[in-house]
Amino acid sequence: MLRPRLALTGCSKPSESEVHDAVVKIMTKQGATTEQAQAYADCAAPEMVDKISRTGLNNLVDDGKDAKGSDDDVDEMKAIDKKCTDEVLGK
């Protein structure tokens, strides 16, 4: 029974909570304050789970990399980043 479970590892999208935590970690590593990182993640995580591919989200959560999985992911991330940066920074 372990074989099918192992085969399914990484097949599902990470939860919104997992994405949120990964975004906070990445943002604070990039120099954002904890408050800024939390606010950005509050905005970005739900949209990312809805719009970014499973591969992109797994890269983000597992490796702390940009959520790249396809060209569509890059376009979506740019849109999410702009929206959430404007929201957090009040632009």
N, C-alpha and C. Protein backbone atom coordinates (compact mmCIF):
# COMPACT_ATOMS: atom_id res chain seq x y z
N MET A 1 0.81 -1.20 0.00
CA MET A 1 0.00 0.00 0.00
C MET A 1 0.85 1.27 0.00
N LEU A 2 2.10 1.20 0.34
CA LEU A 2 2.92 2.41 0.37
C LEU A 2 3.21 2.92 -1.03
N ARG A 3 3.33 2.04 -1.97
CA ARG A 3 3.69 2.46 -3.32
C ARG A 3 2.70 3.47 -3.91
N PRO A 4 1.38 3.22 -3.87
CA PRO A 4 0.46 4.21 -4.42
C PRO A 4 0.53 5.55 -3.68
N ARG A 5 0.72 5.52 -2.39
CA ARG A 5 0.83 6.77 -1.64
C ARG A 5 2.07 7.54 -2.04
N LEU A 6 3.17 6.84 -2.19
CA LEU A 6 4.41 7.50 -2.61
C LEU A 6 4.25 8.08 -4.01
N ALA A 7 3.55 7.38 -4.85
CA ALA A 7 3.36 7.86 -6.22
C ALA A 7 2.53 9.13 -6.25
N LEU A 8 1.67 9.31 -5.25
CA LEU A 8 0.81 10.48 -5.21
C LEU A 8 1.47 11.68 -4.54
N THR A 9 2.58 11.50 -3.91
CA THR A 9 3.26 12.60 -3.24
C THR A 9 3.57 13.70 -4.24
N GLY A 10 3.17 14.92 -3.91
CA GLY A 10 3.43 16.05 -4.78
C GLY A 10 2.45 16.20 -5.92
N CYS A 11 1.43 15.34 -5.95
CA CYS A 11 0.46 15.40 -7.05
C CYS A 11 -0.64 16.42 -6.81
N SER A 12 -0.88 16.79 -5.57
CA SER A 12 -1.94 17.73 -5.29
C SER A 12 -1.36 19.12 -5.04
N LYS A 13 -2.22 20.11 -5.16
CA LYS A 13 -1.80 21.48 -4.88
C LYS A 13 -1.59 21.63 -3.38
N PRO A 14 -0.60 22.41 -2.99
CA PRO A 14 -0.43 22.71 -1.57
C PRO A 14 -1.63 23.51 -1.07
N SER A 15 -1.85 23.46 0.22
CA SER A 15 -2.96 24.21 0.81
C SER A 15 -2.65 25.71 0.80
N GLU A 16 -3.67 26.51 0.96
CA GLU A 16 -3.48 27.96 1.04
C GLU A 16 -2.57 28.32 2.21
N SER A 17 -2.69 27.60 3.31
CA SER A 17 -1.84 27.84 4.47
C SER A 17 -0.38 27.56 4.16
N GLU A 18 -0.11 26.48 3.45
CA GLU A 18 1.27 26.15 3.07
C GLU A 18 1.85 27.21 2.14
N VAL A 19 1.04 27.66 1.19
CA VAL A 19 1.48 28.70 0.26
C VAL A 19 1.73 30.00 1.03
N HIS A 20 0.84 30.33 1.93
CA HIS A 20 0.98 31.54 2.75
C HIS A 20 2.30 31.51 3.52
N ASP A 21 2.57 30.42 4.18
CA ASP A 21 3.81 30.29 4.96
C ASP A 21 5.04 30.42 4.07
N ALA A 22 5.00 29.81 2.89
CA ALA A 22 6.14 29.89 1.97
C ALA A 22 6.35 31.32 1.48
N VAL A 23 5.26 32.02 1.19
CA VAL A 23 5.37 33.41 0.72
C VAL A 23 5.96 34.29 1.82
N VAL A 24 5.50 34.12 3.05
CA VAL A 24 6.05 34.90 4.17
C VAL A 24 7.55 34.66 4.30
N LYS A 25 7.94 33.42 4.22
CA LYS A 25 9.36 33.07 4.34
C LYS A 25 10.19 33.73 3.24
N ILE A 26 9.71 33.64 2.01
CA ILE A 26 10.42 34.24 0.87
C ILE A 26 10.49 35.76 1.02
N MET A 27 9.39 36.37 1.39
CA MET A 27 9.34 37.83 1.50
C MET A 27 10.27 38.34 2.61
N THR A 28 10.30 37.66 3.73
CA THR A 28 11.18 38.11 4.81
C THR A 28 12.65 37.91 4.44
N LYS A 29 12.95 36.85 3.68
CA LYS A 29 14.33 36.65 3.20
C LYS A 29 14.74 37.77 2.25
N GLN A 30 13.76 38.35 1.56
CA GLN A 30 14.04 39.43 0.62
C GLN A 30 14.06 40.80 1.29
N GLY A 31 13.88 40.83 2.61
CA GLY A 31 14.00 42.08 3.34
C GLY A 31 12.71 42.72 3.80
N ALA A 32 11.58 42.11 3.51
CA ALA A 32 10.30 42.66 3.99
C ALA A 32 10.20 42.45 5.50
N THR A 33 9.50 43.37 6.15
CA THR A 33 9.23 43.17 7.57
C THR A 33 8.22 42.03 7.71
N THR A 34 8.10 41.50 8.90
CA THR A 34 7.13 40.43 9.13
C THR A 34 5.72 40.91 8.81
N GLU A 35 5.40 42.14 9.20
CA GLU A 35 4.06 42.69 8.92
C GLU A 35 3.82 42.81 7.42
N GLN A 36 4.81 43.31 6.69
CA GLN A 36 4.67 43.43 5.24
C GLN A 36 4.52 42.05 4.60
N ALA A 37 5.34 41.12 5.03
CA ALA A 37 5.29 39.76 4.46
C ALA A 37 3.95 39.10 4.73
N GLN A 38 3.43 39.27 5.94
CA GLN A 38 2.12 38.70 6.29
C GLN A 38 1.01 39.32 5.44
N ALA A 39 1.04 40.65 5.30
CA ALA A 39 0.02 41.34 4.53
C ALA A 39 0.07 40.92 3.06
N TYR A 40 1.29 40.83 2.52
CA TYR A 40 1.45 40.40 1.13
C TYR A 40 0.92 38.97 0.96
N ALA A 41 1.30 38.09 1.86
CA ALA A 41 0.87 36.69 1.78
C ALA A 41 -0.65 36.57 1.95
N ASP A 42 -1.24 37.41 2.81
CA ASP A 42 -2.70 37.40 2.97
C ASP A 42 -3.39 37.69 1.64
N CYS A 43 -2.80 38.59 0.88
CA CYS A 43 -3.34 38.95 -0.44
C CYS A 43 -3.02 37.89 -1.48
N ALA A 44 -1.76 37.46 -1.52
CA ALA A 44 -1.28 36.63 -2.62
C ALA A 44 -1.67 35.15 -2.52
N ALA A 45 -1.62 34.57 -1.34
CA ALA A 45 -1.81 33.12 -1.21
C ALA A 45 -3.13 32.61 -1.79
N PRO A 46 -4.27 33.25 -1.48
CA PRO A 46 -5.52 32.73 -2.05
C PRO A 46 -5.54 32.79 -3.58
N GLU A 47 -5.02 33.87 -4.13
CA GLU A 47 -4.99 34.02 -5.59
C GLU A 47 -4.03 33.01 -6.21
N MET A 48 -2.90 32.79 -5.55
CA MET A 48 -1.93 31.85 -6.08
C MET A 48 -2.52 30.44 -6.14
N VAL A 49 -3.21 30.04 -5.10
CA VAL A 49 -3.80 28.70 -5.07
C VAL A 49 -4.83 28.56 -6.19
N ASP A 50 -5.54 29.64 -6.49
CA ASP A 50 -6.55 29.60 -7.56
C ASP A 50 -5.94 29.65 -8.96
N LYS A 51 -4.82 30.37 -9.13
CA LYS A 51 -4.36 30.70 -10.47
C LYS A 51 -3.03 30.09 -10.90
N ILE A 52 -2.24 29.61 -9.96
CA ILE A 52 -0.91 29.08 -10.29
C ILE A 52 -0.99 27.55 -10.38
N SER A 53 -0.25 26.98 -11.30
CA SER A 53 -0.28 25.53 -11.51
C SER A 53 0.21 24.78 -10.27
N ARG A 54 -0.18 23.53 -10.21
CA ARG A 54 0.27 22.64 -9.14
C ARG A 54 1.79 22.59 -9.08
N THR A 55 2.42 22.49 -10.24
CA THR A 55 3.88 22.43 -10.30
C THR A 55 4.49 23.70 -9.74
N GLY A 56 3.97 24.84 -10.14
CA GLY A 56 4.49 26.11 -9.65
C GLY A 56 4.34 26.25 -8.15
N LEU A 57 3.18 25.86 -7.64
CA LEU A 57 2.95 25.96 -6.18
C LEU A 57 3.85 25.00 -5.42
N ASN A 58 4.02 23.79 -5.94
CA ASN A 58 4.90 22.84 -5.27
C ASN A 58 6.34 23.33 -5.27
N ASN A 59 6.79 23.97 -6.37
CA ASN A 59 8.13 24.57 -6.38
C ASN A 59 8.26 25.62 -5.30
N LEU A 60 7.25 26.44 -5.19
CA LEU A 60 7.26 27.51 -4.19
C LEU A 60 7.33 26.96 -2.78
N VAL A 61 6.48 26.01 -2.47
CA VAL A 61 6.39 25.46 -1.11
C VAL A 61 7.58 24.56 -0.79
N ASP A 62 7.97 23.70 -1.71
CA ASP A 62 9.03 22.73 -1.43
C ASP A 62 10.42 23.33 -1.49
N ASP A 63 10.63 24.23 -2.43
CA ASP A 63 11.98 24.71 -2.67
C ASP A 63 12.18 26.19 -2.37
N GLY A 64 11.09 26.90 -2.08
CA GLY A 64 11.21 28.33 -1.86
C GLY A 64 11.57 29.09 -3.11
N LYS A 65 11.28 28.51 -4.26
CA LYS A 65 11.58 29.14 -5.54
C LYS A 65 10.38 29.95 -5.99
N ASP A 66 10.61 30.76 -7.03
CA ASP A 66 9.48 31.42 -7.65
C ASP A 66 8.51 30.36 -8.15
N ALA A 67 7.26 30.69 -8.15
CA ALA A 67 6.23 29.73 -8.54
C ALA A 67 6.16 29.59 -10.05
N LYS A 68 7.22 29.04 -10.62
CA LYS A 68 7.27 28.85 -12.06
C LYS A 68 6.91 27.42 -12.40
N GLY A 69 5.93 27.27 -13.23
CA GLY A 69 5.55 25.97 -13.72
C GLY A 69 5.27 26.03 -15.20
N SER A 70 4.89 27.22 -15.67
CA SER A 70 4.59 27.42 -17.08
C SER A 70 4.65 28.91 -17.38
N ASP A 71 4.57 29.24 -18.65
CA ASP A 71 4.53 30.65 -19.03
C ASP A 71 3.29 31.33 -18.44
N ASP A 72 2.19 30.61 -18.36
CA ASP A 72 0.98 31.16 -17.76
C ASP A 72 1.22 31.51 -16.29
N ASP A 73 1.99 30.68 -15.59
CA ASP A 73 2.29 30.97 -14.19
C ASP A 73 3.05 32.28 -14.05
N VAL A 74 3.99 32.52 -14.94
CA VAL A 74 4.78 33.75 -14.89
C VAL A 74 3.86 34.96 -15.04
N ASP A 75 2.97 34.90 -16.01
CA ASP A 75 2.03 36.01 -16.23
C ASP A 75 1.11 36.20 -15.02
N GLU A 76 0.61 35.10 -14.49
CA GLU A 76 -0.27 35.18 -13.32
C GLU A 76 0.47 35.74 -12.11
N MET A 77 1.72 35.29 -11.91
CA MET A 77 2.50 35.77 -10.76
C MET A 77 2.76 37.28 -10.88
N LYS A 78 3.03 37.75 -12.08
CA LYS A 78 3.24 39.19 -12.27
C LYS A 78 2.00 39.96 -11.88
N ALA A 79 0.83 39.47 -12.30
CA ALA A 79 -0.42 40.14 -11.98
C ALA A 79 -0.70 40.10 -10.47
N ILE A 80 -0.48 38.94 -9.85
CA ILE A 80 -0.71 38.81 -8.41
C ILE A 80 0.27 39.69 -7.65
N ASP A 81 1.53 39.69 -8.07
CA ASP A 81 2.54 40.51 -7.40
C ASP A 81 2.19 41.99 -7.47
N LYS A 82 1.79 42.46 -8.65
CA LYS A 82 1.44 43.87 -8.80
C LYS A 82 0.26 44.23 -7.90
N LYS A 83 -0.78 43.41 -7.94
CA LYS A 83 -1.98 43.67 -7.13
C LYS A 83 -1.63 43.72 -5.65
N CYS A 84 -0.88 42.73 -5.18
CA CYS A 84 -0.62 42.62 -3.75
C CYS A 84 0.42 43.63 -3.29
N THR A 85 1.39 43.95 -4.14
CA THR A 85 2.35 44.98 -3.79
C THR A 85 1.65 46.33 -3.67
N ASP A 86 0.78 46.63 -4.63
CA ASP A 86 0.01 47.88 -4.57
C ASP A 86 -0.86 47.91 -3.31
N GLU A 87 -1.47 46.79 -2.99
CA GLU A 87 -2.34 46.74 -1.81
C GLU A 87 -1.56 46.94 -0.52
N VAL A 88 -0.42 46.26 -0.41
CA VAL A 88 0.38 46.32 0.82
C VAL A 88 1.07 47.67 0.97
N LEU A 89 1.58 48.20 -0.14
CA LEU A 89 2.32 49.46 -0.09
C LEU A 89 1.43 50.68 -0.32
N GLY A 90 0.16 50.42 -0.62
CA GLY A 90 -0.78 51.51 -0.79
C GLY A 90 -0.58 52.35 -2.03
N LYS A 91 -0.04 51.76 -3.08
CA LYS A 91 0.18 52.50 -4.33
C LYS A 91 -1.06 52.50 -5.17
